[in-house]
Amino acid sequence: MLIKKYKYPAGIQKLEYREGFAVRGLHYDIEKGLLLKLDSFLQIQFGTVYRGLHPVPDDEVLRLYKNRIIPIAYVEAPQRHTHDGMHRTKMVQLADLFSVPEMVLLCNVTEYFLRNHIDYHPEILFRDVKNSVQSCHPIMHTTVENDVSQYLEPNKDLNKFFDRLKAAEKKMFLVTNSPFHFVDKGMRFLVGDKWQDYFDLVIVQARKPRFFTEESRPLRMYDEENQTQLWDRVTKIEKGVIYLEGTVKQLQDMTGWRGHQVLYFGDHPYSDLADVTLQHGWRTGAIIKELTHEIETLNDRKFKENANWLQMLTGLIEDHQDTADPEAAAELELWMRQRDELRNEIKRVFNEQFGSVFRTYHNPTYFSRRLFRFADIYMSSITNLLYYSTNHTFYPRRGVMPHEYSSYFM
């Protein structure tokens, strides 16, 4: 797409996709052309700033940004429209699953330009890559539909989970941005030919997040046989009918499903969950696939040993850092170097370049901060809820603040 539509050099066709290079939730500085990881306090995690496929040294990062902390106006600047309809912001977060290959392509092409001494504009490159990835959705739909089993993983518990909800007389609805033929092919593979029987309402081509923010787009019925929309006015919701577009206001008005009585699941913390929790008061659940890898890593014996030793070593350094003894000071230097090595080793086991999706060395990532704000619960798969009854209440845990630590653990 970059070559054909945007006339990029044909040489980028030979670039290899680097699986495992990037993680979700990174930021791309479209002014400086850098991919970087921020924590929940907007601090840059050193060692995770990349130009192309190579890390940027810490001293250069400080020279470029003047500080480890990025001003909030730089990260969350209000978006504004320009003459070409694009949003101009200094930094963007790449938070959905499509953004992972997008980041790899972005860094690959940047590396190609750098190695071949080709001048480029980081913002134009970012827009071209983003538009290319978005325009590939129809191609992806066709590819997946032609060989569903190659791309979707069967989940033997999915029908069991839906049956349990149905038996508990829960109302279920599906709101997706995908076209019906794509959804139907996937759901038949995952759930069976009668998958629609589980849902009291199905809306396709919803155009989230606009589905949650706009109020004027009409809800249409979808004609499955002719694969087109009907122009009849929709005045009530009927089970077994497929709908498209519309707004969440119409969904709530026609069903009466409102506020905390609704639990809505999505895999994008922002476009799926932010508006429904902040504006409509729905309960929300985030499906974060990366949790499977993260939890497996956390439970690895070597990781636990390193993490525990890091905690103990940090405590020793903190307790003895003010010593005036030269011999003890030399030992402290060794401890400090060992601590740095441990921190990097713990980071690399999640991802060689950027570490964990959920934390930097010791703080939650910016992705985690937004996830915790917009999701009441999060999990790797919706069927994780099979381990709980349909009446189960998840109570919030009491977090420990820094000034409370010693009183809790004396």
Protein backbone atom coordinates (compact mmCIF):
# COMPACT_ATOMS: atom_id res chain seq x y z
CA MET A 1 0.00 0.00 0.00
CA LEU A 2 2.85 2.39 0.82
CA ILE A 3 4.54 1.58 -2.49
CA LYS A 4 1.47 1.56 -4.71
CA LYS A 5 -0.57 4.37 -3.21
CA TYR A 6 2.06 6.65 -1.65
CA LYS A 7 4.94 5.89 -4.05
CA TYR A 8 7.44 4.84 -1.37
CA PRO A 9 10.69 3.17 -2.49
CA ALA A 10 10.16 -0.35 -3.80
CA GLY A 11 12.99 -1.55 -1.54
CA ILE A 12 10.72 -1.51 1.52
CA GLN A 13 8.90 -4.51 0.01
CA LYS A 14 11.88 -6.62 1.13
CA LEU A 15 11.73 -5.52 4.79
CA GLU A 16 10.98 -8.37 7.18
CA TYR A 17 8.25 -8.17 9.80
CA ARG A 18 9.86 -8.28 13.26
CA GLU A 19 7.46 -10.24 15.42
CA GLY A 20 7.82 -9.31 19.08
CA PHE A 21 9.51 -5.98 18.39
CA ALA A 22 6.83 -3.66 19.80
CA VAL A 23 4.22 -3.83 22.56
CA ARG A 24 0.85 -2.17 22.79
CA GLY A 25 0.50 1.24 24.44
CA LEU A 26 3.72 2.91 23.25
CA HIS A 27 3.79 6.54 22.14
CA TYR A 28 5.06 7.86 18.84
CA ASP A 29 6.47 11.37 18.78
CA ILE A 30 5.39 12.54 15.35
CA GLU A 31 7.60 15.63 15.51
CA LYS A 32 10.81 13.82 16.43
CA GLY A 33 10.07 10.47 14.79
CA LEU A 34 10.67 8.45 17.97
CA LEU A 35 8.84 5.47 19.46
CA LEU A 36 8.94 5.50 23.26
CA LYS A 37 7.39 4.14 26.42
CA LEU A 38 5.91 6.36 29.14
CA ASP A 39 4.86 5.51 32.66
CA SER A 40 1.71 6.67 34.42
CA PHE A 41 3.47 9.89 35.51
CA LEU A 42 4.50 10.71 31.92
CA GLN A 43 8.14 9.81 32.59
CA ILE A 44 10.18 8.31 29.77
CA GLN A 45 11.54 4.87 30.54
CA PHE A 46 15.20 5.02 29.57
CA GLY A 47 16.25 2.28 27.17
CA THR A 48 12.83 2.23 25.49
CA VAL A 49 13.21 5.16 23.09
CA TYR A 50 13.70 4.00 19.50
CA ARG A 51 14.49 5.72 16.23
CA GLY A 52 13.88 3.10 13.60
CA LEU A 53 15.05 -0.25 14.95
CA HIS A 54 17.77 1.12 17.24
CA PRO A 55 17.55 2.56 20.77
CA VAL A 56 18.38 6.22 21.31
CA PRO A 57 21.07 6.79 24.01
CA ASP A 58 19.83 8.27 27.30
CA ASP A 59 21.93 11.43 26.94
CA GLU A 60 20.38 12.14 23.54
CA VAL A 61 16.89 11.56 24.96
CA LEU A 62 17.57 14.15 27.67
CA ARG A 63 18.96 16.57 25.10
CA LEU A 64 15.86 16.19 22.92
CA TYR A 65 13.29 16.45 25.71
CA LYS A 66 15.24 18.50 28.28
CA ASN A 67 13.67 16.32 30.97
CA ARG A 68 12.58 12.75 31.61
CA ILE A 69 9.05 13.97 32.27
CA ILE A 70 6.98 14.88 29.22
CA PRO A 71 4.58 17.82 29.74
CA ILE A 72 0.97 16.68 29.71
CA ALA A 73 0.17 19.23 26.98
CA TYR A 74 2.68 17.43 24.73
CA VAL A 75 1.11 14.01 25.35
CA GLU A 76 -2.56 14.91 25.68
CA ALA A 77 -2.74 18.06 23.57
CA PRO A 78 -6.28 18.83 22.37
CA GLN A 79 -6.76 17.50 18.85
CA ARG A 80 -7.56 20.06 16.19
CA HIS A 81 -8.68 19.79 12.60
CA THR A 82 -6.60 21.13 9.75
CA HIS A 83 -7.40 21.91 6.13
CA ASP A 84 -6.73 18.31 5.11
CA GLY A 85 -8.95 16.92 7.84
CA MET A 86 -6.09 15.38 9.84
CA HIS A 87 -5.49 15.75 13.55
CA ARG A 88 -2.27 17.52 14.48
CA THR A 89 -0.90 16.36 17.80
CA LYS A 90 2.73 16.14 18.88
CA MET A 91 2.51 12.66 20.33
CA VAL A 92 0.08 9.79 19.78
CA GLN A 93 -0.45 6.59 21.70
CA LEU A 94 -0.74 3.33 19.79
CA ALA A 95 -3.12 1.38 21.97
CA ASP A 96 -5.03 -1.17 19.90
CA LEU A 97 -3.90 -4.53 18.49
CA PHE A 98 -3.56 -3.14 14.96
CA SER A 99 -1.04 -0.64 16.27
CA VAL A 100 1.56 -3.36 16.94
CA PRO A 101 2.22 -4.17 13.25
CA GLU A 102 1.75 -0.46 12.56
CA MET A 103 4.64 0.37 14.91
CA VAL A 104 6.85 -2.35 13.39
CA LEU A 105 6.20 -1.01 9.89
CA LEU A 106 6.83 2.54 11.06
CA CYS A 107 10.18 1.63 12.62
CA ASN A 108 11.15 -0.60 9.68
CA VAL A 109 10.57 2.14 7.11
CA THR A 110 12.35 4.69 9.30
CA GLU A 111 15.34 2.35 9.53
CA TYR A 112 15.29 1.93 5.74
CA PHE A 113 15.36 5.71 5.26
CA LEU A 114 18.19 6.16 7.77
CA ARG A 115 20.35 3.41 6.28
CA ASN A 116 19.84 4.70 2.75
CA HIS A 117 20.37 8.34 3.72
CA ILE A 118 16.88 9.33 2.56
CA ASP A 119 15.38 12.46 4.08
CA TYR A 120 11.88 11.99 5.46
CA HIS A 121 9.25 13.87 7.47
CA PRO A 122 8.26 11.88 10.61
CA GLU A 123 4.70 13.17 10.66
CA ILE A 124 4.04 12.43 7.00
CA LEU A 125 5.54 8.97 7.45
CA PHE A 126 3.28 8.35 10.44
CA ARG A 127 0.14 9.43 8.54
CA ASP A 128 1.04 7.35 5.48
CA VAL A 129 1.68 4.24 7.58
CA LYS A 130 -1.51 4.72 9.61
CA ASN A 131 -3.63 5.24 6.49
CA SER A 132 -2.03 2.22 4.82
CA VAL A 133 -2.79 -0.02 7.81
CA GLN A 134 -6.38 1.23 8.00
CA SER A 135 -6.95 0.72 4.29
CA CYS A 136 -5.87 -2.92 4.66
CA HIS A 137 -8.92 -3.84 6.76
CA PRO A 138 -10.99 -5.05 3.76
CA ILE A 139 -8.02 -7.13 2.57
CA MET A 140 -7.68 -8.60 6.07
CA HIS A 141 -11.42 -9.41 6.18
CA THR A 142 -11.23 -11.35 2.92
CA THR A 143 -8.05 -13.17 3.93
CA VAL A 144 -9.47 -14.28 7.28
CA GLU A 145 -12.81 -15.30 5.81
CA ASN A 146 -11.07 -17.52 3.25
CA ASP A 147 -9.30 -19.50 5.99
CA VAL A 148 -10.92 -18.80 9.35
CA SER A 149 -9.20 -21.64 11.21
CA GLN A 150 -5.79 -20.16 10.36
CA TYR A 151 -6.58 -16.90 12.14
CA LEU A 152 -9.11 -17.59 14.92
CA GLU A 153 -8.43 -19.73 17.97
CA PRO A 154 -11.30 -22.01 19.03
CA ASN A 155 -12.47 -21.51 22.63
CA LYS A 156 -14.29 -24.56 23.94
CA ASP A 157 -15.64 -22.57 26.88
CA LEU A 158 -17.35 -19.85 24.84
CA ASN A 159 -20.63 -21.71 24.30
CA LYS A 160 -20.60 -22.83 27.93
CA PHE A 161 -20.18 -19.22 29.04
CA PHE A 162 -23.00 -17.97 26.79
CA ASP A 163 -25.27 -20.83 27.92
CA ARG A 164 -24.69 -19.89 31.54
CA LEU A 165 -25.56 -16.24 30.90
CA LYS A 166 -28.68 -17.26 28.98
CA ALA A 167 -29.75 -19.60 31.78
CA ALA A 168 -29.33 -16.72 34.24
CA GLU A 169 -31.67 -14.66 31.99
CA LYS A 170 -29.02 -12.10 31.18
CA LYS A 171 -29.60 -9.95 28.10
CA MET A 172 -26.68 -10.05 25.67
CA PHE A 173 -25.81 -7.68 22.84
CA LEU A 174 -23.00 -7.36 20.31
CA VAL A 175 -21.77 -4.02 18.96
CA THR A 176 -18.93 -4.26 16.43
CA ASN A 177 -17.30 -2.09 13.79
CA SER A 178 -16.86 -5.05 11.45
CA PRO A 179 -19.22 -5.82 8.53
CA PHE A 180 -21.82 -8.55 9.05
CA HIS A 181 -20.34 -11.12 6.65
CA PHE A 182 -17.03 -10.97 8.52
CA VAL A 183 -18.67 -11.24 11.95
CA ASP A 184 -20.96 -14.05 10.80
CA LYS A 185 -18.09 -16.14 9.43
CA GLY A 186 -16.07 -15.74 12.62
CA MET A 187 -18.96 -16.35 15.02
CA ARG A 188 -20.07 -19.46 13.12
CA PHE A 189 -16.54 -20.82 13.57
CA LEU A 190 -16.34 -19.87 17.27
CA VAL A 191 -19.89 -20.45 18.50
CA GLY A 192 -21.84 -22.31 15.79
CA ASP A 193 -24.34 -21.60 13.04
CA LYS A 194 -27.00 -20.46 15.52
CA TRP A 195 -24.77 -17.92 17.26
CA GLN A 196 -27.38 -15.17 16.83
CA ASP A 197 -29.73 -17.03 19.20
CA TYR A 198 -27.52 -15.95 22.11
CA PHE A 199 -27.89 -12.23 21.40
CA ASP A 200 -30.92 -10.02 21.98
CA LEU A 201 -29.34 -7.32 19.82
CA VAL A 202 -26.61 -7.35 17.14
CA ILE A 203 -25.25 -4.10 15.66
CA VAL A 204 -22.56 -4.20 12.95
CA GLN A 205 -20.59 -1.39 11.30
CA ALA A 206 -21.16 0.66 14.46
CA ARG A 207 -18.22 3.01 13.79
CA LYS A 208 -17.07 3.14 17.39
CA PRO A 209 -16.14 5.43 19.09
CA ARG A 210 -18.62 7.64 17.18
CA PHE A 211 -21.34 5.15 18.07
CA PHE A 212 -20.87 6.26 21.69
CA THR A 213 -20.47 10.00 21.11
CA GLU A 214 -22.86 10.96 18.31
CA GLU A 215 -26.63 11.20 18.65
CA SER A 216 -27.96 11.77 15.13
CA ARG A 217 -26.85 8.73 13.08
CA PRO A 218 -29.93 6.58 12.40
CA LEU A 219 -30.07 2.90 13.24
CA ARG A 220 -30.72 0.77 10.14
CA MET A 221 -31.78 -2.83 9.61
CA TYR A 222 -29.49 -5.09 7.63
CA ASP A 223 -30.79 -7.36 4.87
CA GLU A 224 -28.69 -10.54 5.20
CA GLU A 225 -29.92 -12.05 1.93
CA ASN A 226 -29.08 -9.05 -0.26
CA GLN A 227 -26.20 -7.85 1.98
CA THR A 228 -27.44 -4.27 2.10
CA GLN A 229 -29.11 -1.88 4.52
CA LEU A 230 -32.84 -1.25 4.61
CA TRP A 231 -34.18 2.28 4.79
CA ASP A 232 -37.18 1.52 7.01
CA ARG A 233 -37.27 3.54 10.18
CA VAL A 234 -36.34 1.48 13.25
CA THR A 235 -38.75 2.07 16.14
CA LYS A 236 -38.10 -1.03 18.23
CA ILE A 237 -35.46 -3.69 18.70
CA GLU A 238 -36.27 -7.24 17.61
CA LYS A 239 -34.23 -10.32 18.37
CA GLY A 240 -32.93 -12.06 15.25
CA VAL A 241 -32.71 -8.83 13.25
CA ILE A 242 -29.26 -7.49 12.36
CA TYR A 243 -28.80 -3.74 12.71
CA LEU A 244 -26.07 -1.40 11.57
CA GLU A 245 -24.72 2.01 12.55
CA GLY A 246 -26.94 3.95 14.99
CA THR A 247 -25.91 5.36 18.37
CA VAL A 248 -25.69 4.23 21.97
CA LYS A 249 -28.51 6.67 22.80
CA GLN A 250 -30.86 4.74 20.54
CA LEU A 251 -29.67 1.45 22.03
CA GLN A 252 -30.43 2.68 25.55
CA ASP A 253 -33.75 4.31 24.65
CA MET A 254 -35.09 1.23 22.83
CA THR A 255 -33.88 -1.39 25.31
CA GLY A 256 -33.89 0.42 28.65
CA TRP A 257 -30.42 -0.94 29.36
CA ARG A 258 -28.65 1.84 31.21
CA GLY A 259 -25.92 2.73 33.67
CA HIS A 260 -24.46 0.18 36.06
CA GLN A 261 -26.86 -2.56 34.98
CA VAL A 262 -24.79 -2.89 31.77
CA LEU A 263 -21.42 -4.66 31.69
CA TYR A 264 -19.74 -4.00 28.35
CA PHE A 265 -16.57 -5.74 27.12
CA GLY A 266 -14.09 -4.46 24.56
CA ASP A 267 -10.44 -4.93 23.60
CA HIS A 268 -9.62 -1.23 23.16
CA PRO A 269 -9.55 0.68 26.47
CA TYR A 270 -10.22 4.01 24.74
CA SER A 271 -12.49 3.65 21.70
CA ASP A 272 -14.46 0.78 23.26
CA LEU A 273 -14.65 1.66 26.94
CA ALA A 274 -13.82 5.30 27.68
CA ASP A 275 -17.02 6.98 26.51
CA VAL A 276 -19.46 4.38 27.85
CA THR A 277 -17.98 4.53 31.34
CA LEU A 278 -17.41 8.30 31.52
CA GLN A 279 -20.54 9.49 29.71
CA HIS A 280 -23.05 6.69 30.17
CA GLY A 281 -22.05 5.06 33.45
CA TRP A 282 -21.77 1.51 32.09
CA ARG A 283 -19.63 -1.04 33.84
CA THR A 284 -16.75 -2.06 31.61
CA GLY A 285 -14.47 -5.04 31.11
CA ALA A 286 -11.29 -4.97 29.01
CA ILE A 287 -10.07 -8.04 27.11
CA ILE A 288 -6.27 -7.75 27.09
CA LYS A 289 -4.76 -10.69 25.23
CA GLU A 290 -1.22 -9.87 26.40
CA LEU A 291 -2.15 -10.85 29.97
CA THR A 292 -1.58 -14.51 29.14
CA HIS A 293 2.11 -13.91 28.35
CA GLU A 294 2.54 -11.42 31.18
CA ILE A 295 1.08 -13.72 33.86
CA GLU A 296 3.09 -16.72 32.62
CA THR A 297 6.23 -14.59 32.91
CA LEU A 298 5.31 -13.36 36.39
CA ASN A 299 4.90 -16.98 37.53
CA ASP A 300 8.24 -18.10 36.13
CA ARG A 301 10.53 -19.22 38.96
CA LYS A 302 13.60 -17.34 37.70
CA PHE A 303 11.57 -14.16 37.32
CA LYS A 304 10.29 -14.44 40.91
CA GLU A 305 13.82 -14.96 42.20
CA ASN A 306 15.11 -11.91 40.33
CA ALA A 307 12.16 -9.74 41.37
CA ASN A 308 12.52 -10.70 45.05
CA TRP A 309 16.28 -10.15 45.02
CA LEU A 310 15.78 -6.78 43.32
CA GLN A 311 13.43 -5.71 46.14
CA MET A 312 15.90 -6.85 48.81
CA LEU A 313 18.86 -5.27 47.05
CA THR A 314 17.04 -1.97 46.68
CA GLY A 315 16.22 -2.05 50.39
CA LEU A 316 19.89 -2.68 51.27
CA ILE A 317 21.03 0.21 49.06
CA GLU A 318 18.43 2.54 50.57
CA ASP A 319 19.37 1.61 54.14
CA HIS A 320 23.15 1.91 53.68
CA GLN A 321 23.53 4.67 51.07
CA ASP A 322 24.63 7.29 53.60
CA THR A 323 27.66 5.36 54.85
CA ALA A 324 30.99 7.19 55.10
CA ASP A 325 33.06 3.99 55.09
CA PRO A 326 35.07 3.79 51.79
CA GLU A 327 34.93 -0.01 51.77
CA ALA A 328 31.14 0.03 52.25
CA ALA A 329 30.81 2.71 49.54
CA ALA A 330 32.66 0.44 47.10
CA GLU A 331 30.25 -2.38 47.93
CA LEU A 332 27.33 -0.02 47.37
CA GLU A 333 28.65 0.70 43.88
CA LEU A 334 28.60 -3.02 43.12
CA TRP A 335 25.05 -3.28 44.45
CA MET A 336 23.95 -0.37 42.27
CA ARG A 337 25.38 -1.97 39.14
CA GLN A 338 23.79 -5.29 40.04
CA ARG A 339 20.46 -3.53 40.60
CA ASP A 340 20.64 -1.92 37.13
CA GLU A 341 21.43 -5.30 35.56
CA LEU A 342 18.53 -6.95 37.38
CA ARG A 343 16.08 -4.24 36.34
CA ASN A 344 17.04 -4.63 32.70
CA GLU A 345 16.90 -8.42 32.89
CA ILE A 346 13.40 -8.27 34.40
CA LYS A 347 12.33 -5.85 31.69
CA ARG A 348 13.69 -7.97 28.82
CA VAL A 349 11.85 -11.17 29.75
CA PHE A 350 8.55 -9.49 28.77
CA ASN A 351 9.85 -7.86 25.59
CA GLU A 352 13.48 -7.36 24.56
CA GLN A 353 12.98 -3.75 23.45
CA PHE A 354 10.17 -2.30 25.55
CA GLY A 355 9.51 -4.61 28.49
CA SER A 356 6.05 -5.17 29.98
CA VAL A 357 2.88 -3.70 28.52
CA PHE A 358 1.75 -2.86 32.05
CA ARG A 359 4.75 -1.43 33.88
CA THR A 360 8.05 0.34 33.51
CA TYR A 361 10.83 -0.48 35.98
CA HIS A 362 8.68 0.33 39.00
CA ASN A 363 5.65 2.37 37.88
CA PRO A 364 2.55 1.37 35.90
CA THR A 365 2.76 2.36 32.24
CA TYR A 366 0.66 5.11 30.73
CA PHE A 367 -1.34 2.32 29.06
CA SER A 368 -2.06 0.80 32.50
CA ARG A 369 -3.14 4.16 33.87
CA ARG A 370 -5.72 4.58 31.11
CA LEU A 371 -6.79 0.95 31.35
CA PHE A 372 -7.44 1.22 35.10
CA ARG A 373 -9.37 4.43 34.57
CA PHE A 374 -11.72 3.12 31.89
CA ALA A 375 -12.10 -0.58 32.80
CA ASP A 376 -13.72 -1.90 35.98
CA ILE A 377 -12.16 -5.33 35.38
CA TYR A 378 -9.74 -6.72 32.82
CA MET A 379 -8.80 -10.21 31.72
CA SER A 380 -7.17 -12.16 28.90
CA SER A 381 -10.42 -13.85 27.78
CA ILE A 382 -14.09 -13.32 28.57
CA THR A 383 -14.37 -16.99 29.48
CA ASN A 384 -12.16 -16.35 32.52
CA LEU A 385 -15.47 -15.39 34.16
CA LEU A 386 -16.55 -19.06 34.09
CA TYR A 387 -14.63 -19.43 37.34
CA TYR A 388 -17.16 -17.14 39.06
CA SER A 389 -20.92 -17.29 39.49
CA THR A 390 -23.10 -14.84 37.55
CA ASN A 391 -23.85 -13.10 40.87
CA HIS A 392 -20.22 -12.68 41.89
CA THR A 393 -19.12 -9.23 43.06
CA PHE A 394 -15.53 -8.10 42.50
CA TYR A 395 -14.53 -5.85 45.37
CA PRO A 396 -11.76 -3.25 44.94
CA ARG A 397 -8.55 -3.98 46.81
CA ARG A 398 -7.08 -1.49 49.22
CA GLY A 399 -3.90 -0.14 47.65
CA VAL A 400 -0.92 0.63 49.87
CA MET A 401 0.35 4.21 49.74
CA PRO A 402 4.04 4.95 50.32
CA HIS A 403 3.46 6.51 53.74
CA GLU A 404 1.39 3.47 54.85
CA TYR A 405 3.94 0.81 53.98
CA SER A 406 5.83 0.45 57.26
CA SER A 407 2.69 0.48 59.40
CA TYR A 408 1.20 -2.37 57.35
CA PHE A 409 4.29 -4.57 57.29
CA MET A 410 5.98 -4.15 60.64
